[in-house]
Amino acid sequence: MGLMRLPSSLIANVKSFSRLNAYRNRNYQRDVPKGHLAVYVGKNQKRRVVVPVSYLEQPLFQNLLRQSEEEFGFDHPMGGLTISCQEDEFFKLEAMFHAL
């Protein structure tokens, strides 16, 4: 099964959002290594997680981004990209990415 391509407009929106957030919070740039982005995960309590941008190529991560876009648009309550899923489910998904 081949990788599903993330629409370029969605990638551009994520990159723009990350840059905008970096301008809002200078600490963001200091603790997020190059090639990574910070996201917030969790349904009730949000946890900040730094992930590699290579996740943008993963179809399951793309689905999470689409769901996030439907739920929050570009008005994320945490001030950063918020992914609406249970924290433990996100970490299971992340473990799958590492196994690939």
PDB file of N, CA and C in Angstrom:
ATOM      1  N   MET A   1       0.852  -1.178   0.000  1.00  0.00           N
ATOM      2  CA  MET A   1       0.000   0.000   0.000  1.00  0.00           C
ATOM      3  C   MET A   1       0.894   1.236   0.000  1.00  0.00           C
ATOM      4  N   GLY A   2       0.719   2.123  -0.980  1.00  0.00           N
ATOM      5  CA  GLY A   2       1.527   3.337  -1.099  1.00  0.00           C
ATOM      6  C   GLY A   2       1.071   4.406  -0.129  1.00  0.00           C
ATOM      7  N   LEU A   3       1.933   5.358   0.065  1.00  0.00           N
ATOM      8  CA  LEU A   3       1.603   6.478   0.940  1.00  0.00           C
ATOM      9  C   LEU A   3       0.653   7.431   0.240  1.00  0.00           C
ATOM     10  N   MET A   4      -0.350   7.870   0.961  1.00  0.00           N
ATOM     11  CA  MET A   4      -1.286   8.856   0.436  1.00  0.00           C
ATOM     12  C   MET A   4      -0.635  10.227   0.563  1.00  0.00           C
ATOM     13  N   ARG A   5      -0.682  11.024  -0.467  1.00  0.00           N
ATOM     14  CA  ARG A   5      -0.060  12.351  -0.454  1.00  0.00           C
ATOM     15  C   ARG A   5      -0.950  13.334   0.298  1.00  0.00           C
ATOM     16  N   LEU A   6      -0.353  14.110   1.138  1.00  0.00           N
ATOM     17  CA  LEU A   6      -1.048  15.162   1.863  1.00  0.00           C
ATOM     18  C   LEU A   6      -1.223  16.332   0.917  1.00  0.00           C
ATOM     19  N   PRO A   7      -2.438  16.847   0.769  1.00  0.00           N
ATOM     20  CA  PRO A   7      -2.638  17.990  -0.135  1.00  0.00           C
ATOM     21  C   PRO A   7      -1.691  19.127   0.215  1.00  0.00           C
ATOM     22  N   SER A   8      -1.098  19.710  -0.819  1.00  0.00           N
ATOM     23  CA  SER A   8      -0.102  20.759  -0.592  1.00  0.00           C
ATOM     24  C   SER A   8      -0.684  21.928   0.189  1.00  0.00           C
ATOM     25  N   SER A   9      -1.972  22.210   0.024  1.00  0.00           N
ATOM     26  CA  SER A   9      -2.572  23.319   0.766  1.00  0.00           C
ATOM     27  C   SER A   9      -2.585  23.032   2.267  1.00  0.00           C
ATOM     28  N   LEU A  10      -2.790  21.770   2.656  1.00  0.00           N
ATOM     29  CA  LEU A  10      -2.801  21.416   4.068  1.00  0.00           C
ATOM     30  C   LEU A  10      -1.387  21.515   4.648  1.00  0.00           C
ATOM     31  N   ILE A  11      -0.386  21.069   3.875  1.00  0.00           N
ATOM     32  CA  ILE A  11       1.007  21.196   4.316  1.00  0.00           C
ATOM     33  C   ILE A  11       1.365  22.664   4.481  1.00  0.00           C
ATOM     34  N   ALA A  12       0.986  23.490   3.519  1.00  0.00           N
ATOM     35  CA  ALA A  12       1.283  24.927   3.596  1.00  0.00           C
ATOM     36  C   ALA A  12       0.612  25.543   4.817  1.00  0.00           C
ATOM     37  N   ASN A  13      -0.613  25.128   5.107  1.00  0.00           N
ATOM     38  CA  ASN A  13      -1.319  25.663   6.270  1.00  0.00           C
ATOM     39  C   ASN A  13      -0.628  25.268   7.566  1.00  0.00           C
ATOM     40  N   VAL A  14      -0.149  24.011   7.653  1.00  0.00           N
ATOM     41  CA  VAL A  14       0.557  23.568   8.858  1.00  0.00           C
ATOM     42  C   VAL A  14       1.850  24.353   9.023  1.00  0.00           C
ATOM     43  N   LYS A  15       2.598  24.531   7.928  1.00  0.00           N
ATOM     44  CA  LYS A  15       3.852  25.296   8.003  1.00  0.00           C
ATOM     45  C   LYS A  15       3.585  26.739   8.397  1.00  0.00           C
ATOM     46  N   SER A  16       2.566  27.359   7.804  1.00  0.00           N
ATOM     47  CA  SER A  16       2.228  28.739   8.142  1.00  0.00           C
ATOM     48  C   SER A  16       1.828  28.852   9.601  1.00  0.00           C
ATOM     49  N   PHE A  17       1.033  27.883  10.063  1.00  0.00           N
ATOM     50  CA  PHE A  17       0.587  27.892  11.447  1.00  0.00           C
ATOM     51  C   PHE A  17       1.785  27.782  12.385  1.00  0.00           C
ATOM     52  N   SER A  18       2.740  26.907  12.052  1.00  0.00           N
ATOM     53  CA  SER A  18       3.931  26.738  12.889  1.00  0.00           C
ATOM     54  C   SER A  18       4.760  28.008  12.936  1.00  0.00           C
ATOM     55  N   ARG A  19       4.908  28.667  11.787  1.00  0.00           N
ATOM     56  CA  ARG A  19       5.677  29.924  11.766  1.00  0.00           C
ATOM     57  C   ARG A  19       4.969  30.999  12.574  1.00  0.00           C
ATOM     58  N   LEU A  20       3.659  31.121  12.418  1.00  0.00           N
ATOM     59  CA  LEU A  20       2.891  32.117  13.160  1.00  0.00           C
ATOM     60  C   LEU A  20       3.018  31.866  14.655  1.00  0.00           C
ATOM     61  N   ASN A  21       2.917  30.608  15.062  1.00  0.00           N
ATOM     62  CA  ASN A  21       3.033  30.272  16.472  1.00  0.00           C
ATOM     63  C   ASN A  21       4.431  30.594  16.991  1.00  0.00           C
ATOM     64  N   ALA A  22       5.437  30.402  16.163  1.00  0.00           N
ATOM     65  CA  ALA A  22       6.812  30.707  16.564  1.00  0.00           C
ATOM     66  C   ALA A  22       6.970  32.201  16.837  1.00  0.00           C
ATOM     67  N   TYR A  23       6.313  33.031  16.046  1.00  0.00           N
ATOM     68  CA  TYR A  23       6.388  34.475  16.275  1.00  0.00           C
ATOM     69  C   TYR A  23       5.675  34.858  17.559  1.00  0.00           C
ATOM     70  N   ARG A  24       4.592  34.170  17.868  1.00  0.00           N
ATOM     71  CA  ARG A  24       3.843  34.472  19.085  1.00  0.00           C
ATOM     72  C   ARG A  24       4.614  34.076  20.340  1.00  0.00           C
ATOM     73  N   ASN A  25       5.324  32.969  20.252  1.00  0.00           N
ATOM     74  CA  ASN A  25       5.989  32.428  21.427  1.00  0.00           C
ATOM     75  C   ASN A  25       7.433  32.106  21.081  1.00  0.00           C
ATOM     76  N   ARG A  26       8.352  32.975  21.427  1.00  0.00           N
ATOM     77  CA  ARG A  26       9.767  32.800  21.076  1.00  0.00           C
ATOM     78  C   ARG A  26      10.347  31.521  21.678  1.00  0.00           C
ATOM     79  N   ASN A  27       9.816  31.039  22.806  1.00  0.00           N
ATOM     80  CA  ASN A  27      10.306  29.799  23.398  1.00  0.00           C
ATOM     81  C   ASN A  27      10.042  28.609  22.484  1.00  0.00           C
ATOM     82  N   TYR A  28       9.049  28.727  21.653  1.00  0.00           N
ATOM     83  CA  TYR A  28       8.713  27.658  20.714  1.00  0.00           C
ATOM     84  C   TYR A  28       9.932  27.316  19.866  1.00  0.00           C
ATOM     85  N   GLN A  29      10.624  28.311  19.369  1.00  0.00           N
ATOM     86  CA  GLN A  29      11.773  28.081  18.505  1.00  0.00           C
ATOM     87  C   GLN A  29      12.922  27.448  19.272  1.00  0.00           C
ATOM     88  N   ARG A  30      13.056  27.742  20.517  1.00  0.00           N
ATOM     89  CA  ARG A  30      14.189  27.259  21.294  1.00  0.00           C
ATOM     90  C   ARG A  30      14.092  25.777  21.631  1.00  0.00           C
ATOM     91  N   ASP A  31      12.895  25.271  21.852  1.00  0.00           N
ATOM     92  CA  ASP A  31      12.784  23.884  22.300  1.00  0.00           C
ATOM     93  C   ASP A  31      12.206  22.939  21.257  1.00  0.00           C
ATOM     94  N   VAL A  32      12.042  23.388  20.030  1.00  0.00           N
ATOM     95  CA  VAL A  32      11.591  22.521  18.943  1.00  0.00           C
ATOM     96  C   VAL A  32      12.731  22.414  17.938  1.00  0.00           C
ATOM     97  N   PRO A  33      13.350  21.235  17.859  1.00  0.00           N
ATOM     98  CA  PRO A  33      14.482  21.085  16.940  1.00  0.00           C
ATOM     99  C   PRO A  33      14.064  21.261  15.485  1.00  0.00           C
ATOM    100  N   LYS A  34      15.018  21.647  14.670  1.00  0.00           N
ATOM    101  CA  LYS A  34      14.762  21.770  13.242  1.00  0.00           C
ATOM    102  C   LYS A  34      14.248  20.426  12.714  1.00  0.00           C
ATOM    103  N   GLY A  35      13.251  20.496  11.845  1.00  0.00           N
ATOM    104  CA  GLY A  35      12.669  19.276  11.290  1.00  0.00           C
ATOM    105  C   GLY A  35      11.570  18.680  12.148  1.00  0.00           C
ATOM    106  N   HIS A  36      11.128  19.420  13.161  1.00  0.00           N
ATOM    107  CA  HIS A  36      10.073  18.966  14.067  1.00  0.00           C
ATOM    108  C   HIS A  36       9.021  20.057  14.225  1.00  0.00           C
ATOM    109  N   LEU A  37       7.878  19.684  14.776  1.00  0.00           N
ATOM    110  CA  LEU A  37       6.866  20.662  15.129  1.00  0.00           C
ATOM    111  C   LEU A  37       6.201  20.226  16.419  1.00  0.00           C
ATOM    112  N   ALA A  38       5.695  21.193  17.144  1.00  0.00           N
ATOM    113  CA  ALA A  38       5.017  20.903  18.400  1.00  0.00           C
ATOM    114  C   ALA A  38       3.523  20.820  18.146  1.00  0.00           C
ATOM    115  N   VAL A  39       2.885  19.814  18.749  1.00  0.00           N
ATOM    116  CA  VAL A  39       1.440  19.657  18.679  1.00  0.00           C
ATOM    117  C   VAL A  39       0.929  19.412  20.092  1.00  0.00           C
ATOM    118  N   TYR A  40      -0.336  19.654  20.290  1.00  0.00           N
ATOM    119  CA  TYR A  40      -0.982  19.364  21.564  1.00  0.00           C
ATOM    120  C   TYR A  40      -1.961  18.235  21.339  1.00  0.00           C
ATOM    121  N   VAL A  41      -1.909  17.207  22.193  1.00  0.00           N
ATOM    122  CA  VAL A  41      -2.797  16.061  22.062  1.00  0.00           C
ATOM    123  C   VAL A  41      -3.547  15.844  23.360  1.00  0.00           C
ATOM    124  N   GLY A  42      -4.711  15.229  23.245  1.00  0.00           N
ATOM    125  CA  GLY A  42      -5.532  14.909  24.400  1.00  0.00           C
ATOM    126  C   GLY A  42      -6.923  15.478  24.231  1.00  0.00           C
ATOM    127  N   LYS A  43      -7.889  14.809  24.802  1.00  0.00           N
ATOM    128  CA  LYS A  43      -9.274  15.274  24.712  1.00  0.00           C
ATOM    129  C   LYS A  43      -9.562  16.355  25.750  1.00  0.00           C
ATOM    130  N   ASN A  44      -9.278  16.076  27.009  1.00  0.00           N
ATOM    131  CA  ASN A  44      -9.589  17.040  28.063  1.00  0.00           C
ATOM    132  C   ASN A  44      -8.368  17.874  28.433  1.00  0.00           C
ATOM    133  N   GLN A  45      -7.340  17.198  28.885  1.00  0.00           N
ATOM    134  CA  GLN A  45      -6.109  17.889  29.223  1.00  0.00           C
ATOM    135  C   GLN A  45      -5.142  17.712  28.067  1.00  0.00           C
ATOM    136  N   LYS A  46      -4.596  18.801  27.591  1.00  0.00           N
ATOM    137  CA  LYS A  46      -3.705  18.763  26.426  1.00  0.00           C
ATOM    138  C   LYS A  46      -2.260  18.618  26.874  1.00  0.00           C
ATOM    139  N   ARG A  47      -1.520  17.788  26.136  1.00  0.00           N
ATOM    140  CA  ARG A  47      -0.095  17.599  26.401  1.00  0.00           C
ATOM    141  C   ARG A  47       0.680  18.001  25.159  1.00  0.00           C
ATOM    142  N   ARG A  48       1.714  18.773  25.344  1.00  0.00           N
ATOM    143  CA  ARG A  48       2.546  19.231  24.227  1.00  0.00           C
ATOM    144  C   ARG A  48       3.531  18.129  23.856  1.00  0.00           C
ATOM    145  N   VAL A  49       3.560  17.791  22.569  1.00  0.00           N
ATOM    146  CA  VAL A  49       4.430  16.736  22.064  1.00  0.00           C
ATOM    147  C   VAL A  49       5.170  17.282  20.851  1.00  0.00           C
ATOM    148  N   VAL A  50       6.464  17.061  20.784  1.00  0.00           N
ATOM    149  CA  VAL A  50       7.266  17.476  19.637  1.00  0.00           C
ATOM    150  C   VAL A  50       7.434  16.264  18.729  1.00  0.00           C
ATOM    151  N   VAL A  51       7.016  16.420  17.468  1.00  0.00           N
ATOM    152  CA  VAL A  51       7.047  15.308  16.515  1.00  0.00           C
ATOM    153  C   VAL A  51       7.843  15.701  15.277  1.00  0.00           C
ATOM    154  N   PRO A  52       8.432  14.726  14.592  1.00  0.00           N
ATOM    155  CA  PRO A  52       9.147  15.032  13.351  1.00  0.00           C
ATOM    156  C   PRO A  52       8.172  15.424  12.247  1.00  0.00           C
ATOM    157  N   VAL A  53       8.588  16.327  11.376  1.00  0.00           N
ATOM    158  CA  VAL A  53       7.721  16.737  10.274  1.00  0.00           C
ATOM    159  C   VAL A  53       7.454  15.582   9.311  1.00  0.00           C
ATOM    160  N   SER A  54       8.255  14.523   9.379  1.00  0.00           N
ATOM    161  CA  SER A  54       8.015  13.353   8.525  1.00  0.00           C
ATOM    162  C   SER A  54       6.646  12.727   8.810  1.00  0.00           C
ATOM    163  N   TYR A  55       6.081  13.007   9.974  1.00  0.00           N
ATOM    164  CA  TYR A  55       4.733  12.512  10.279  1.00  0.00           C
ATOM    165  C   TYR A  55       3.716  13.044   9.282  1.00  0.00           C
ATOM    166  N   LEU A  56       3.998  14.194   8.690  1.00  0.00           N
ATOM    167  CA  LEU A  56       3.068  14.777   7.720  1.00  0.00           C
ATOM    168  C   LEU A  56       2.864  13.869   6.517  1.00  0.00           C
ATOM    169  N   GLU A  57       3.787  12.934   6.303  1.00  0.00           N
ATOM    170  CA  GLU A  57       3.668  11.996   5.189  1.00  0.00           C
ATOM    171  C   GLU A  57       2.835  10.771   5.540  1.00  0.00           C
ATOM    172  N   GLN A  58       2.517  10.584   6.811  1.00  0.00           N
ATOM    173  CA  GLN A  58       1.787   9.403   7.264  1.00  0.00           C
ATOM    174  C   GLN A  58       0.282   9.603   7.109  1.00  0.00           C
ATOM    175  N   PRO A  59      -0.397   8.705   6.379  1.00  0.00           N
ATOM    176  CA  PRO A  59      -1.843   8.846   6.173  1.00  0.00           C
ATOM    177  C   PRO A  59      -2.644   8.955   7.470  1.00  0.00           C
ATOM    178  N   LEU A  60      -2.268   8.209   8.509  1.00  0.00           N
ATOM    179  CA  LEU A  60      -3.017   8.288   9.767  1.00  0.00           C
ATOM    180  C   LEU A  60      -2.849   9.648  10.435  1.00  0.00           C
ATOM    181  N   PHE A  61      -1.659  10.213  10.350  1.00  0.00           N
ATOM    182  CA  PHE A  61      -1.431  11.546  10.894  1.00  0.00           C
ATOM    183  C   PHE A  61      -2.196  12.580  10.078  1.00  0.00           C
ATOM    184  N   GLN A  62      -2.242  12.391   8.776  1.00  0.00           N
ATOM    185  CA  GLN A  62      -3.005  13.288   7.906  1.00  0.00           C
ATOM    186  C   GLN A  62      -4.480  13.284   8.288  1.00  0.00           C
ATOM    187  N   ASN A  63      -5.006  12.095   8.623  1.00  0.00           N
ATOM    188  CA  ASN A  63      -6.403  12.016   9.062  1.00  0.00           C
ATOM    189  C   ASN A  63      -6.614  12.791  10.354  1.00  0.00           C
ATOM    190  N   LEU A  64      -5.660  12.694  11.289  1.00  0.00           N
ATOM    191  CA  LEU A  64      -5.765  13.458  12.530  1.00  0.00           C
ATOM    192  C   LEU A  64      -5.764  14.957  12.251  1.00  0.00           C
ATOM    193  N   LEU A  65      -4.926  15.389  11.293  1.00  0.00           N
ATOM    194  CA  LEU A  65      -4.890  16.812  10.938  1.00  0.00           C
ATOM    195  C   LEU A  65      -6.209  17.269  10.339  1.00  0.00           C
ATOM    196  N   ARG A  66      -6.783  16.435   9.495  1.00  0.00           N
ATOM    197  CA  ARG A  66      -8.091  16.792   8.898  1.00  0.00           C
ATOM    198  C   ARG A  66      -9.165  16.906   9.968  1.00  0.00           C
ATOM    199  N   GLN A  67      -9.183  15.953  10.900  1.00  0.00           N
ATOM    200  CA  GLN A  67     -10.162  16.012  11.987  1.00  0.00           C
ATOM    201  C   GLN A  67      -9.953  17.251  12.835  1.00  0.00           C
ATOM    202  N   SER A  68      -8.704  17.580  13.079  1.00  0.00           N
ATOM    203  CA  SER A  68      -8.379  18.775  13.855  1.00  0.00           C
ATOM    204  C   SER A  68      -8.852  20.028  13.129  1.00  0.00           C
ATOM    205  N   GLU A  69      -8.629  20.049  11.814  1.00  0.00           N
ATOM    206  CA  GLU A  69      -9.066  21.204  11.018  1.00  0.00           C
ATOM    207  C   GLU A  69     -10.579  21.349  11.063  1.00  0.00           C
ATOM    208  N   GLU A  70     -11.306  20.218  10.992  1.00  0.00           N
ATOM    209  CA  GLU A  70     -12.770  20.262  11.062  1.00  0.00           C
ATOM    210  C   GLU A  70     -13.242  20.747  12.423  1.00  0.00           C
ATOM    211  N   GLU A  71     -12.565  20.300  13.472  1.00  0.00           N
ATOM    212  CA  GLU A  71     -12.996  20.657  14.826  1.00  0.00           C
ATOM    213  C   GLU A  71     -12.600  22.069  15.224  1.00  0.00           C
ATOM    214  N   PHE A  72     -11.348  22.464  14.919  1.00  0.00           N
ATOM    215  CA  PHE A  72     -10.835  23.737  15.401  1.00  0.00           C
ATOM    216  C   PHE A  72     -10.646  24.785  14.320  1.00  0.00           C
ATOM    217  N   GLY A  73     -10.625  24.383  13.048  1.00  0.00           N
ATOM    218  CA  GLY A  73     -10.248  25.326  12.003  1.00  0.00           C
ATOM    219  C   GLY A  73      -8.826  25.762  12.287  1.00  0.00           C
ATOM    220  N   PHE A  74      -8.580  27.038  12.295  1.00  0.00           N
ATOM    221  CA  PHE A  74      -7.246  27.528  12.633  1.00  0.00           C
ATOM    222  C   PHE A  74      -7.274  28.346  13.910  1.00  0.00           C
ATOM    223  N   ASP A  75      -8.287  28.118  14.731  1.00  0.00           N
ATOM    224  CA  ASP A  75      -8.401  28.772  16.029  1.00  0.00           C
ATOM    225  C   ASP A  75      -8.164  27.709  17.104  1.00  0.00           C
ATOM    226  N   HIS A  76      -6.904  27.368  17.340  1.00  0.00           N
ATOM    227  CA  HIS A  76      -6.562  26.317  18.281  1.00  0.00           C
ATOM    228  C   HIS A  76      -6.492  26.878  19.689  1.00  0.00           C
ATOM    229  N   PRO A  77      -7.201  26.256  20.622  1.00  0.00           N
ATOM    230  CA  PRO A  77      -7.307  26.796  21.978  1.00  0.00           C
ATOM    231  C   PRO A  77      -5.987  26.863  22.740  1.00  0.00           C
ATOM    232  N   MET A  78      -5.023  26.034  22.380  1.00  0.00           N
ATOM    233  CA  MET A  78      -3.756  26.000  23.109  1.00  0.00           C
ATOM    234  C   MET A  78      -2.734  26.974  22.525  1.00  0.00           C
ATOM    235  N   GLY A  79      -3.072  27.617  21.417  1.00  0.00           N
ATOM    236  CA  GLY A  79      -2.126  28.513  20.777  1.00  0.00           C
ATOM    237  C   GLY A  79      -1.168  27.781  19.864  1.00  0.00           C
ATOM    238  N   GLY A  80      -1.284  26.475  19.784  1.00  0.00           N
ATOM    239  CA  GLY A  80      -0.475  25.636  18.912  1.00  0.00           C
ATOM    240  C   GLY A  80      -1.379  24.634  18.231  1.00  0.00           C
ATOM    241  N   LEU A  81      -0.847  23.890  17.312  1.00  0.00           N
ATOM    242  CA  LEU A  81      -1.624  22.900  16.581  1.00  0.00           C
ATOM    243  C   LEU A  81      -2.152  21.852  17.553  1.00  0.00           C
ATOM    244  N   THR A  82      -3.470  21.751  17.667  1.00  0.00           N
ATOM    245  CA  THR A  82      -4.109  20.840  18.599  1.00  0.00           C
ATOM    246  C   THR A  82      -4.703  19.669  17.839  1.00  0.00           C
ATOM    247  N   ILE A  83      -4.370  18.459  18.268  1.00  0.00           N
ATOM    248  CA  ILE A  83      -4.897  17.251  17.649  1.00  0.00           C
ATOM    249  C   ILE A  83      -5.853  16.615  18.643  1.00  0.00           C
ATOM    250  N   SER A  84      -7.086  16.481  18.215  1.00  0.00           N
ATOM    251  CA  SER A  84      -8.131  16.004  19.099  1.00  0.00           C
ATOM    252  C   SER A  84      -8.209  14.483  19.074  1.00  0.00           C
ATOM    253  N   CYS A  85      -7.420  13.859  19.919  1.00  0.00           N
ATOM    254  CA  CYS A  85      -7.514  12.417  20.122  1.00  0.00           C
ATOM    255  C   CYS A  85      -6.972  12.126  21.515  1.00  0.00           C
ATOM    256  N   GLN A  86      -7.317  10.968  22.042  1.00  0.00           N
ATOM    257  CA  GLN A  86      -6.817  10.590  23.351  1.00  0.00           C
ATOM    258  C   GLN A  86      -5.295  10.498  23.312  1.00  0.00           C
ATOM    259  N   GLU A  87      -4.665  10.927  24.370  1.00  0.00           N
ATOM    260  CA  GLU A  87      -3.211  10.937  24.441  1.00  0.00           C
ATOM    261  C   GLU A  87      -2.628   9.540  24.221  1.00  0.00           C
ATOM    262  N   ASP A  88      -3.202   8.523  24.875  1.00  0.00           N
ATOM    263  CA  ASP A  88      -2.673   7.168  24.724  1.00  0.00           C
ATOM    264  C   ASP A  88      -2.827   6.659  23.294  1.00  0.00           C
ATOM    265  N   GLU A  89      -3.903   7.041  22.625  1.00  0.00           N
ATOM    266  CA  GLU A  89      -4.096   6.649  21.223  1.00  0.00           C
ATOM    267  C   GLU A  89      -3.052   7.310  20.332  1.00  0.00           C
ATOM    268  N   PHE A  90      -2.725   8.562  20.615  1.00  0.00           N
ATOM    269  CA  PHE A  90      -1.706   9.253  19.831  1.00  0.00           C
ATOM    270  C   PHE A  90      -0.355   8.551  19.987  1.00  0.00           C
ATOM    271  N   PHE A  91      -0.024   8.146  21.206  1.00  0.00           N
ATOM    272  CA  PHE A  91       1.268   7.487  21.430  1.00  0.00           C
ATOM    273  C   PHE A  91       1.307   6.095  20.796  1.00  0.00           C
ATOM    274  N   LYS A  92       0.181   5.408  20.723  1.00  0.00           N
ATOM    275  CA  LYS A  92       0.123   4.132  19.998  1.00  0.00           C
ATOM    276  C   LYS A  92       0.385   4.370  18.516  1.00  0.00           C
ATOM    277  N   LEU A  93      -0.237   5.398  17.983  1.00  0.00           N
ATOM    278  CA  LEU A  93      -0.041   5.758  16.588  1.00  0.00           C
ATOM    279  C   LEU A  93       1.423   6.121  16.333  1.00  0.00           C
ATOM    280  N   GLU A  94       2.000   6.878  17.239  1.00  0.00           N
ATOM    281  CA  GLU A  94       3.396   7.276  17.110  1.00  0.00           C
ATOM    282  C   GLU A  94       4.311   6.044  17.123  1.00  0.00           C
ATOM    283  N   ALA A  95       4.008   5.067  17.956  1.00  0.00           N
ATOM    284  CA  ALA A  95       4.796   3.833  18.000  1.00  0.00           C
ATOM    285  C   ALA A  95       4.711   3.091  16.660  1.00  0.00           C
ATOM    286  N   MET A  96       3.543   3.137  16.033  1.00  0.00           N
ATOM    287  CA  MET A  96       3.392   2.513  14.718  1.00  0.00           C
ATOM    288  C   MET A  96       4.284   3.206  13.694  1.00  0.00           C
ATOM    289  N   PHE A  97       4.391   4.526  13.753  1.00  0.00           N
ATOM    290  CA  PHE A  97       5.246   5.266  12.816  1.00  0.00           C
ATOM    291  C   PHE A  97       6.707   4.837  12.961  1.00  0.00           C
ATOM    292  N   HIS A  98       7.131   4.627  14.212  1.00  0.00           N
ATOM    293  CA  HIS A  98       8.527   4.240  14.467  1.00  0.00           C
ATOM    294  C   HIS A  98       8.800   2.821  13.986  1.00  0.00           C
ATOM    295  N   ALA A  99       7.744   1.991  13.964  1.00  0.00           N
ATOM    296  CA  ALA A  99       7.914   0.600  13.525  1.00  0.00           C
ATOM    297  C   ALA A  99       8.019   0.491  12.004  1.00  0.00           C
ATOM    298  N   LEU A 100       7.582   1.534  11.302  1.00  0.00           N
ATOM    299  CA  LEU A 100       7.616   1.473   9.824  1.00  0.00           C
ATOM    300  C   LEU A 100       9.015   1.619   9.282  1.00  0.00           C
TER     301      LEU A 100
END
